[in-house]
C-alpha atoms as a PDB file:
ATOM      1  CA  MET A   1     -84.717 -59.197 144.593  1.00  0.00           C
ATOM      2  CA  VAL A   2     -84.719 -59.056 140.838  1.00  0.00           C
ATOM      3  CA  ARG A   3     -82.872 -55.978 139.687  1.00  0.00           C
ATOM      4  CA  ARG A   4     -85.093 -53.672 137.659  1.00  0.00           C
ATOM      5  CA  TRP A   5     -83.678 -50.197 137.144  1.00  0.00           C
ATOM      6  CA  ILE A   6     -86.023 -47.524 135.979  1.00  0.00           C
ATOM      7  CA  TRP A   7     -86.091 -43.816 136.484  1.00  0.00           C
ATOM      8  CA  ILE A   8     -87.708 -44.452 139.762  1.00  0.00           C
ATOM      9  CA  GLY A   9     -85.066 -46.367 141.547  1.00  0.00           C
ATOM     10  CA  LEU A  10     -81.630 -45.402 142.605  1.00  0.00           C
ATOM     11  CA  GLY A  11     -78.824 -46.775 140.583  1.00  0.00           C
ATOM     12  CA  GLY A  12     -79.396 -45.412 137.131  1.00  0.00           C
ATOM     13  CA  VAL A  13     -80.437 -42.434 135.087  1.00  0.00           C
ATOM     14  CA  LEU A  14     -83.250 -42.131 132.560  1.00  0.00           C
ATOM     15  CA  VAL A  15     -84.886 -45.430 131.861  1.00  0.00           C
ATOM     16  CA  ALA A  16     -82.397 -47.506 133.786  1.00  0.00           C
ATOM     17  CA  MET A  17     -85.012 -49.709 135.617  1.00  0.00           C
ATOM     18  CA  LEU A  18     -85.619 -49.521 139.370  1.00  0.00           C
ATOM     19  CA  SER A  19     -85.757 -52.355 141.648  1.00  0.00           C
ATOM     20  CA  LEU A  20     -89.061 -51.073 142.809  1.00  0.00           C
ATOM     21  CA  GLY A  21     -90.704 -54.245 143.273  1.00  0.00           C
ATOM     22  CA  LEU A  22     -90.897 -57.751 142.498  1.00  0.00           C
ATOM     23  CA  GLY A  23     -93.510 -57.733 140.043  1.00  0.00           C
ATOM     24  CA  SER A  24     -96.679 -59.078 141.065  1.00  0.00           C
ATOM     25  CA  ALA A  25     -95.781 -61.860 143.278  1.00  0.00           C
ATOM     26  CA  ARG A  26     -98.505 -63.764 141.507  1.00  0.00           C
ATOM     27  CA  ALA A  27    -100.286 -66.130 143.835  1.00  0.00           C
ATOM     28  CA  ALA A  28     -99.087 -69.708 143.632  1.00  0.00           C
ATOM     29  CA  GLY A  29    -102.468 -70.960 144.846  1.00  0.00           C
ATOM     30  CA  PRO A  30    -106.054 -69.735 144.954  1.00  0.00           C
ATOM     31  CA  LEU A  31    -105.443 -66.986 147.479  1.00  0.00           C
ATOM     32  CA  GLU A  32    -108.489 -64.902 148.368  1.00  0.00           C
ATOM     33  CA  PRO A  33    -108.190 -61.265 147.264  1.00  0.00           C
ATOM     34  CA  VAL A  34    -109.047 -58.227 149.364  1.00  0.00           C
ATOM     35  CA  LEU A  35    -112.039 -56.453 147.813  1.00  0.00           C
ATOM     36  CA  THR A  36    -112.250 -53.257 149.884  1.00  0.00           C
ATOM     37  CA  VAL A  37    -110.003 -51.423 152.305  1.00  0.00           C
ATOM     38  CA  ARG A  38    -110.449 -48.871 155.051  1.00  0.00           C
ATOM     39  CA  GLY A  39    -108.149 -46.058 156.025  1.00  0.00           C
ATOM     40  CA  LEU A  40    -106.473 -45.332 152.663  1.00  0.00           C
ATOM     41  CA  PRO A  41    -107.069 -42.379 150.304  1.00  0.00           C
ATOM     42  CA  PRO A  42    -109.868 -43.022 147.795  1.00  0.00           C
ATOM     43  CA  MET A  43    -109.405 -42.602 144.070  1.00  0.00           C
ATOM     44  CA  GLN A  44    -111.362 -42.854 140.861  1.00  0.00           C
ATOM     45  CA  THR A  45    -110.693 -46.187 139.150  1.00  0.00           C
ATOM     46  CA  THR A  46    -112.094 -45.523 135.684  1.00  0.00           C
ATOM     47  CA  ALA A  47    -109.215 -45.837 133.234  1.00  0.00           C
ATOM     48  CA  ALA A  48    -108.826 -43.259 130.492  1.00  0.00           C
ATOM     49  CA  THR A  49    -106.451 -42.749 127.625  1.00  0.00           C
ATOM     50  CA  ALA A  50    -105.586 -39.254 128.851  1.00  0.00           C
ATOM     51  CA  LEU A  51    -104.772 -37.988 132.312  1.00  0.00           C
ATOM     52  CA  GLN A  52    -107.976 -36.883 133.986  1.00  0.00           C
ATOM     53  CA  PRO A  53    -108.048 -34.173 136.688  1.00  0.00           C
ATOM     54  CA  LEU A  54    -110.138 -35.112 139.719  1.00  0.00           C
ATOM     55  CA  LYS A  55    -112.300 -32.928 141.912  1.00  0.00           C
ATOM     56  CA  ALA A  56    -111.177 -33.033 145.513  1.00  0.00           C
ATOM     57  CA  ASP A  57    -114.546 -34.286 146.704  1.00  0.00           C
ATOM     58  CA  GLN A  58    -114.914 -37.023 144.091  1.00  0.00           C
ATOM     59  CA  PRO A  59    -115.878 -40.333 145.737  1.00  0.00           C
ATOM     60  CA  GLY A  60    -113.632 -43.358 145.492  1.00  0.00           C
ATOM     61  CA  PRO A  61    -114.319 -47.106 145.536  1.00  0.00           C
ATOM     62  CA  THR A  62    -113.364 -47.764 149.129  1.00  0.00           C
ATOM     63  CA  ASP A  63    -115.508 -47.599 152.236  1.00  0.00           C
ATOM     64  CA  PHE A  64    -113.240 -45.005 153.850  1.00  0.00           C
ATOM     65  CA  ALA A  65    -114.195 -41.350 153.832  1.00  0.00           C
ATOM     66  CA  ALA A  66    -112.035 -38.664 155.422  1.00  0.00           C
ATOM     67  CA  PRO A  67    -113.950 -36.275 157.701  1.00  0.00           C
ATOM     68  CA  GLU A  68    -114.507 -33.275 155.450  1.00  0.00           C
ATOM     69  CA  LEU A  69    -114.436 -30.673 158.197  1.00  0.00           C
ATOM     70  CA  GLU A  70    -111.169 -31.921 159.630  1.00  0.00           C
ATOM     71  CA  LEU A  71    -109.417 -31.879 156.257  1.00  0.00           C
ATOM     72  CA  ALA A  72    -110.920 -28.552 155.241  1.00  0.00           C
ATOM     73  CA  GLN A  73    -108.132 -26.607 156.894  1.00  0.00           C
ATOM     74  CA  ALA A  74    -105.868 -27.259 153.912  1.00  0.00           C
ATOM     75  CA  THR A  75    -106.613 -26.554 150.267  1.00  0.00           C
ATOM     76  CA  PRO A  76    -106.619 -29.895 148.418  1.00  0.00           C
ATOM     77  CA  PRO A  77    -103.865 -30.204 145.817  1.00  0.00           C
ATOM     78  CA  ARG A  78    -104.493 -30.777 142.136  1.00  0.00           C
ATOM     79  CA  GLN A  79    -105.351 -34.441 141.646  1.00  0.00           C
ATOM     80  CA  VAL A  80    -104.989 -36.540 138.506  1.00  0.00           C
ATOM     81  CA  THR A  81    -105.890 -40.142 137.770  1.00  0.00           C
ATOM     82  CA  ALA A  82    -103.193 -41.900 135.743  1.00  0.00           C
ATOM     83  CA  LEU A  83    -103.964 -45.585 136.210  1.00  0.00           C
ATOM     84  CA  ALA A  84    -101.159 -48.068 135.686  1.00  0.00           C
ATOM     85  CA  ASP A  85    -101.548 -50.887 133.212  1.00  0.00           C
ATOM     86  CA  PRO A  86    -103.153 -53.862 135.017  1.00  0.00           C
ATOM     87  CA  THR A  87     -99.977 -55.910 134.540  1.00  0.00           C
ATOM     88  CA  ASN A  88     -98.218 -53.512 136.915  1.00  0.00           C
ATOM     89  CA  TYR A  89    -100.359 -54.170 139.983  1.00  0.00           C
ATOM     90  CA  GLY A  90    -102.364 -56.986 141.534  1.00  0.00           C
ATOM     91  CA  ASP A  91    -104.640 -58.065 144.346  1.00  0.00           C
ATOM     92  CA  ARG A  92    -103.945 -57.764 148.025  1.00  0.00           C
ATOM     93  CA  PHE A  93    -104.507 -61.161 149.666  1.00  0.00           C
ATOM     94  CA  LEU A  94    -106.138 -62.304 152.888  1.00  0.00           C
ATOM     95  CA  THR A  95    -103.720 -65.246 153.270  1.00  0.00           C
ATOM     96  CA  ASP A  96    -100.076 -65.893 152.464  1.00  0.00           C
ATOM     97  CA  VAL A  97     -98.709 -68.602 150.197  1.00  0.00           C
ATOM     98  CA  ASN A  98     -98.968 -71.129 153.049  1.00  0.00           C
ATOM     99  CA  GLY A  99    -102.604 -70.358 153.708  1.00  0.00           C
ATOM    100  CA  GLN A 100    -101.917 -68.411 156.897  1.00  0.00           C
ATOM    101  CA  ALA A 101    -104.244 -65.470 157.522  1.00  0.00           C
ATOM    102  CA  VAL A 102    -102.695 -62.040 156.867  1.00  0.00           C
ATOM    103  CA  ARG A 103    -103.669 -59.401 159.413  1.00  0.00           C
ATOM    104  CA  ASN A 104    -101.034 -56.701 158.940  1.00  0.00           C
ATOM    105  CA  ASP A 105    -102.118 -53.119 159.450  1.00  0.00           C
ATOM    106  CA  PHE A 106    -101.247 -50.808 156.576  1.00  0.00           C
ATOM    107  CA  ILE A 107     -97.936 -49.011 156.316  1.00  0.00           C
ATOM    108  CA  ALA A 108     -97.039 -46.075 154.053  1.00  0.00           C
ATOM    109  CA  VAL A 109     -93.759 -46.447 152.153  1.00  0.00           C
ATOM    110  CA  LEU A 110     -92.164 -43.277 150.772  1.00  0.00           C
ATOM    111  CA  HIS A 111     -90.097 -43.336 147.551  1.00  0.00           C
ATOM    112  CA  GLU A 112     -88.635 -40.973 144.981  1.00  0.00           C
ATOM    113  CA  THR A 113     -88.688 -41.248 141.193  1.00  0.00           C
ATOM    114  CA  VAL A 114     -85.055 -40.450 140.279  1.00  0.00           C
ATOM    115  CA  GLY A 115     -86.484 -39.058 137.049  1.00  0.00           C
ATOM    116  CA  SER A 116     -89.429 -37.009 135.880  1.00  0.00           C
ATOM    117  CA  ALA A 117     -92.962 -37.759 137.010  1.00  0.00           C
ATOM    118  CA  GLN A 118     -94.061 -38.132 133.398  1.00  0.00           C
ATOM    119  CA  SER A 119     -91.403 -40.747 132.616  1.00  0.00           C
ATOM    120  CA  ALA A 120     -92.521 -42.761 135.641  1.00  0.00           C
ATOM    121  CA  LEU A 121     -96.190 -42.502 134.657  1.00  0.00           C
ATOM    122  CA  ASN A 122     -95.350 -43.600 131.122  1.00  0.00           C
ATOM    123  CA  LEU A 123     -93.540 -46.636 132.495  1.00  0.00           C
ATOM    124  CA  PHE A 124     -96.424 -47.628 134.750  1.00  0.00           C
ATOM    125  CA  ARG A 125     -98.904 -47.337 131.895  1.00  0.00           C
ATOM    126  CA  THR A 126     -96.812 -49.638 129.709  1.00  0.00           C
ATOM    127  CA  ARG A 127     -97.848 -53.299 129.603  1.00  0.00           C
ATOM    128  CA  HIS A 128     -95.244 -55.589 131.239  1.00  0.00           C
ATOM    129  CA  PRO A 129     -96.151 -59.270 130.815  1.00  0.00           C
ATOM    130  CA  ARG A 130     -93.037 -60.481 132.686  1.00  0.00           C
ATOM    131  CA  ASP A 131     -93.253 -60.420 136.474  1.00  0.00           C
ATOM    132  CA  GLN A 132     -89.724 -59.094 136.816  1.00  0.00           C
ATOM    133  CA  ASP A 133     -90.589 -55.965 134.804  1.00  0.00           C
ATOM    134  CA  GLN A 134     -93.747 -55.006 136.686  1.00  0.00           C
ATOM    135  CA  VAL A 135     -93.588 -51.905 138.848  1.00  0.00           C
ATOM    136  CA  SER A 136     -95.859 -49.224 140.309  1.00  0.00           C
ATOM    137  CA  TYR A 137     -96.775 -46.913 143.184  1.00  0.00           C
ATOM    138  CA  HIS A 138    -100.215 -46.115 144.522  1.00  0.00           C
ATOM    139  CA  ALA A 139     -99.577 -42.394 144.201  1.00  0.00           C
ATOM    140  CA  LEU A 140     -96.902 -40.014 142.911  1.00  0.00           C
ATOM    141  CA  ILE A 141     -96.478 -36.358 143.869  1.00  0.00           C
ATOM    142  CA  GLY A 142     -95.049 -34.014 141.247  1.00  0.00           C
ATOM    143  CA  ARG A 143     -92.761 -31.059 141.879  1.00  0.00           C
ATOM    144  CA  ASP A 144     -95.756 -28.710 141.654  1.00  0.00           C
ATOM    145  CA  GLY A 145     -97.650 -30.726 144.280  1.00  0.00           C
ATOM    146  CA  THR A 146     -99.954 -32.549 141.866  1.00  0.00           C
ATOM    147  CA  VAL A 147    -101.073 -35.900 143.257  1.00  0.00           C
ATOM    148  CA  TYR A 148    -101.187 -38.642 140.613  1.00  0.00           C
ATOM    149  CA  TYR A 149    -103.285 -41.667 141.559  1.00  0.00           C
ATOM    150  CA  ILE A 150    -101.778 -44.719 139.860  1.00  0.00           C
ATOM    151  CA  VAL A 151    -103.037 -47.873 141.596  1.00  0.00           C
ATOM    152  CA  PRO A 152    -106.369 -48.212 143.452  1.00  0.00           C
ATOM    153  CA  PRO A 153    -105.813 -48.425 147.224  1.00  0.00           C
ATOM    154  CA  GLU A 154    -107.439 -51.839 147.548  1.00  0.00           C
ATOM    155  CA  LYS A 155    -104.932 -53.241 145.043  1.00  0.00           C
ATOM    156  CA  ARG A 156    -101.279 -54.132 145.603  1.00  0.00           C
ATOM    157  CA  ALA A 157     -98.749 -51.808 143.984  1.00  0.00           C
ATOM    158  CA  PHE A 158     -95.395 -53.387 143.160  1.00  0.00           C
ATOM    159  CA  GLY A 159     -93.288 -50.833 144.992  1.00  0.00           C
ATOM    160  CA  ALA A 160     -90.855 -52.994 146.962  1.00  0.00           C
ATOM    161  CA  GLY A 161     -89.209 -56.315 146.260  1.00  0.00           C
ATOM    162  CA  ASN A 162     -87.505 -58.346 148.979  1.00  0.00           C
ATOM    163  CA  SER A 163     -88.546 -56.211 151.938  1.00  0.00           C
ATOM    164  CA  VAL A 164     -89.586 -56.180 155.596  1.00  0.00           C
ATOM    165  CA  PHE A 165     -91.084 -53.569 157.901  1.00  0.00           C
ATOM    166  CA  ASN A 166     -89.435 -53.495 161.313  1.00  0.00           C
ATOM    167  CA  GLY A 167     -92.069 -51.751 163.362  1.00  0.00           C
ATOM    168  CA  PRO A 168     -93.413 -51.701 166.911  1.00  0.00           C
ATOM    169  CA  ASN A 169     -94.869 -55.187 166.444  1.00  0.00           C
ATOM    170  CA  GLY A 170     -91.607 -56.694 165.186  1.00  0.00           C
ATOM    171  CA  PRO A 171     -90.645 -57.711 161.613  1.00  0.00           C
ATOM    172  CA  GLU A 172     -93.558 -57.798 159.159  1.00  0.00           C
ATOM    173  CA  THR A 173     -93.506 -59.203 155.637  1.00  0.00           C
ATOM    174  CA  VAL A 174     -95.813 -61.398 153.535  1.00  0.00           C
ATOM    175  CA  ARG A 175     -95.036 -64.044 150.921  1.00  0.00           C
ATOM    176  CA  THR A 176     -97.743 -64.504 148.320  1.00  0.00           C
ATOM    177  CA  ASN A 177     -95.703 -66.422 145.739  1.00  0.00           C
ATOM    178  CA  ALA A 178     -93.296 -69.240 146.526  1.00  0.00           C
ATOM    179  CA  ALA A 179     -91.117 -68.188 143.576  1.00  0.00           C
ATOM    180  CA  PHE A 180     -90.306 -64.787 145.069  1.00  0.00           C
ATOM    181  CA  PRO A 181     -89.052 -63.477 148.414  1.00  0.00           C
ATOM    182  CA  PRO A 182     -91.610 -62.014 150.826  1.00  0.00           C
ATOM    183  CA  SER A 183     -92.296 -58.296 150.731  1.00  0.00           C
ATOM    184  CA  VAL A 184     -94.336 -55.515 152.330  1.00  0.00           C
ATOM    185  CA  ASN A 185     -96.426 -54.930 149.212  1.00  0.00           C
ATOM    186  CA  ASN A 186     -99.467 -56.802 150.491  1.00  0.00           C
ATOM    187  CA  PHE A 187     -99.999 -54.246 153.265  1.00  0.00           C
ATOM    188  CA  ALA A 188     -98.148 -51.184 151.916  1.00  0.00           C
ATOM    189  CA  TYR A 189     -99.455 -47.931 150.470  1.00  0.00           C
ATOM    190  CA  HIS A 190     -96.634 -46.731 148.202  1.00  0.00           C
ATOM    191  CA  VAL A 191     -96.174 -42.988 147.603  1.00  0.00           C
ATOM    192  CA  SER A 192     -93.350 -41.450 145.567  1.00  0.00           C
ATOM    193  CA  LEU A 193     -92.006 -37.918 145.307  1.00  0.00           C
ATOM    194  CA  GLU A 194     -90.740 -36.603 141.980  1.00  0.00           C
ATOM    195  CA  THR A 195     -86.977 -36.110 142.234  1.00  0.00           C
ATOM    196  CA  PRO A 196     -85.411 -32.690 141.452  1.00  0.00           C
ATOM    197  CA  GLY A 197     -83.295 -32.455 138.318  1.00  0.00           C
ATOM    198  CA  ASP A 198     -80.016 -32.586 140.236  1.00  0.00           C
ATOM    199  CA  GLY A 199     -81.021 -35.968 141.646  1.00  0.00           C
ATOM    200  CA  PHE A 200     -81.221 -37.966 138.415  1.00  0.00           C
ATOM    201  CA  ASN A 201     -78.182 -39.945 139.528  1.00  0.00           C
ATOM    202  CA  ASN A 202     -76.818 -42.272 142.231  1.00  0.00           C
ATOM    203  CA  ARG A 203     -75.550 -39.611 144.614  1.00  0.00           C
ATOM    204  CA  ARG A 204     -76.618 -39.909 148.221  1.00  0.00           C
ATOM    205  CA  SER A 205     -78.330 -36.516 148.302  1.00  0.00           C
ATOM    206  CA  HIS A 206     -79.813 -33.769 146.148  1.00  0.00           C
ATOM    207  CA  SER A 207     -81.455 -30.363 146.557  1.00  0.00           C
ATOM    208  CA  GLY A 208     -84.596 -31.863 148.091  1.00  0.00           C
ATOM    209  CA  TYR A 209     -88.341 -31.636 147.536  1.00  0.00           C
ATOM    210  CA  THR A 210     -90.559 -28.607 147.114  1.00  0.00           C
ATOM    211  CA  GLN A 211     -92.843 -27.218 149.805  1.00  0.00           C
ATOM    212  CA  ALA A 212     -95.744 -28.045 147.490  1.00  0.00           C
ATOM    213  CA  GLN A 213     -94.688 -31.707 147.583  1.00  0.00           C
ATOM    214  CA  TYR A 214     -94.535 -31.762 151.388  1.00  0.00           C
ATOM    215  CA  ASN A 215     -97.930 -30.032 151.532  1.00  0.00           C
ATOM    216  CA  SER A 216     -99.489 -32.610 149.221  1.00  0.00           C
ATOM    217  CA  LEU A 217     -97.853 -35.552 150.957  1.00  0.00           C
ATOM    218  CA  ALA A 218     -99.186 -34.388 154.328  1.00  0.00           C
ATOM    219  CA  TRP A 219    -102.619 -33.809 152.824  1.00  0.00           C
ATOM    220  CA  LEU A 220    -102.651 -37.277 151.248  1.00  0.00           C
ATOM    221  CA  LEU A 221    -101.529 -39.180 154.331  1.00  0.00           C
ATOM    222  CA  ALA A 222    -103.871 -37.133 156.538  1.00  0.00           C
ATOM    223  CA  GLN A 223    -106.641 -39.016 154.732  1.00  0.00           C
ATOM    224  CA  THR A 224    -105.334 -42.342 156.007  1.00  0.00           C
ATOM    225  CA  THR A 225    -105.513 -44.054 159.372  1.00  0.00           C
ATOM    226  CA  ILE A 226    -101.867 -45.119 159.130  1.00  0.00           C
ATOM    227  CA  PRO A 227    -100.122 -44.042 162.366  1.00  0.00           C
ATOM    228  CA  ASP A 228     -96.885 -42.084 162.285  1.00  0.00           C
ATOM    229  CA  ASN A 229     -94.855 -45.087 163.449  1.00  0.00           C
ATOM    230  CA  ARG A 230     -96.008 -47.031 160.382  1.00  0.00           C
ATOM    231  CA  ILE A 231     -94.899 -44.383 157.871  1.00  0.00           C
ATOM    232  CA  THR A 232     -91.537 -45.537 156.552  1.00  0.00           C
ATOM    233  CA  THR A 233     -89.213 -45.339 153.532  1.00  0.00           C
ATOM    234  CA  HIS A 234     -88.116 -47.586 150.714  1.00  0.00           C
ATOM    235  CA  GLN A 235     -84.615 -47.508 152.145  1.00  0.00           C
ATOM    236  CA  ALA A 236     -85.851 -48.713 155.539  1.00  0.00           C
ATOM    237  CA  VAL A 237     -87.873 -51.688 154.254  1.00  0.00           C
ATOM    238  CA  ASP A 238     -85.469 -52.830 151.523  1.00  0.00           C
ATOM    239  CA  ARG A 239     -83.469 -55.979 152.320  1.00  0.00           C
ATOM    240  CA  SER A 240     -80.946 -55.565 149.521  1.00  0.00           C
ATOM    241  CA  GLY A 241     -79.217 -52.591 151.107  1.00  0.00           C
ATOM    242  CA  ASN A 242     -79.195 -50.811 147.728  1.00  0.00           C
ATOM    243  CA  ARG A 243     -82.153 -48.471 148.096  1.00  0.00           C
ATOM    244  CA  MET A 244     -81.562 -44.927 149.366  1.00  0.00           C
ATOM    245  CA  ASP A 245     -84.884 -43.291 148.613  1.00  0.00           C
ATOM    246  CA  PRO A 246     -86.282 -40.879 149.336  1.00  0.00           C
ATOM    247  CA  ARG A 247     -82.952 -39.066 149.561  1.00  0.00           C
ATOM    248  CA  SER A 248     -82.746 -35.659 151.246  1.00  0.00           C
ATOM    249  CA  PHE A 249     -86.200 -36.115 152.784  1.00  0.00           C
ATOM    250  CA  ASN A 250     -86.932 -33.741 155.673  1.00  0.00           C
ATOM    251  CA  SER A 251     -88.861 -36.085 157.960  1.00  0.00           C
ATOM    252  CA  SER A 252     -89.147 -33.671 160.893  1.00  0.00           C
ATOM    253  CA  SER A 253     -90.671 -30.980 158.683  1.00  0.00           C
ATOM    254  CA  PHE A 254     -93.048 -33.482 157.077  1.00  0.00           C
ATOM    255  CA  PHE A 255     -94.290 -34.986 160.339  1.00  0.00           C
ATOM    256  CA  GLY A 256     -94.675 -31.529 161.842  1.00  0.00           C
ATOM    257  CA  GLN A 257     -96.930 -30.577 158.972  1.00  0.00           C
ATOM    258  CA  LEU A 258     -98.839 -33.884 159.028  1.00  0.00           C
ATOM    259  CA  ARG A 259     -99.605 -33.519 162.738  1.00  0.00           C
ATOM    260  CA  ARG A 260    -101.365 -30.218 162.165  1.00  0.00           C
ATOM    261  CA  TYR A 261    -104.320 -32.168 160.819  1.00  0.00           C
ATOM    262  CA  PRO A 262    -106.906 -32.963 163.501  1.00  0.00           C
ATOM    263  CA  THR A 263    -107.313 -36.418 161.947  1.00  0.00           C
ATOM    264  CA  ARG A 264    -103.773 -37.233 163.121  1.00  0.00           C
ATOM    265  CA  SER A 265    -104.233 -36.426 166.813  1.00  0.00           C
ATOM    266  CA  SER A 266    -104.656 -40.077 167.804  1.00  0.00           C
ATOM    267  CA  LEU A 267    -102.119 -41.393 165.265  1.00  0.00           C
ATOM    268  CA  ALA A 268     -98.944 -39.533 166.245  1.00  0.00           C
ATOM    269  CA  GLY A 269     -96.304 -41.712 167.776  1.00  0.00           C
END
């Protein structure tokens, strides 16, 4: 994987670029893009020069709608659209670089920023013409619980480079560009948590995430149809062995909270 250290990855402070993901993995051939998706959180895709707060019931571009009554038990968090520059994300594809059909179910990959949310958003909104500099998440959750929507769910965020998901169906990864290693990006929904101030470093742990962040993360993933056994971490999918994020993540507390949503009753594993 090409090394790109930014605030978001582990291995550097401030703008020391993260190895979040192998740029776009631009298609080597005329691969057919995915136009709509089901089972991921919707978002508004209209770009704006300023961050725009969203109403919780604002419709998104996908054909998935979370059952309102089932999600009504929790107050929706503050939501903001902060779209990445188009150079920092791309299409999901229906076939790999060899023309083989891609049928992977979605996974959710959890990250941390290793810097402030604003510095990460600024980076994503900066144009990066070179593939090796391109990076993004689908969503980022600030320390106060604000959910920032960065990449539309039907698009591919560049959140992981050389990566594989070892799940119940065996190893899963997709190559969409012969020039780059395969990755999980084609079927991943990438979500990052803003790191606390004592975690802007390479240490293996920090003081952890706020309850507001866990609340928002559970709320966000409760809107998906991704089962518990397909919610993973950047550390788990990374093939380089260098990623540690999200450090100090309380998985038992998070899954306990996620499973309180009626929408998750058939997805717990």
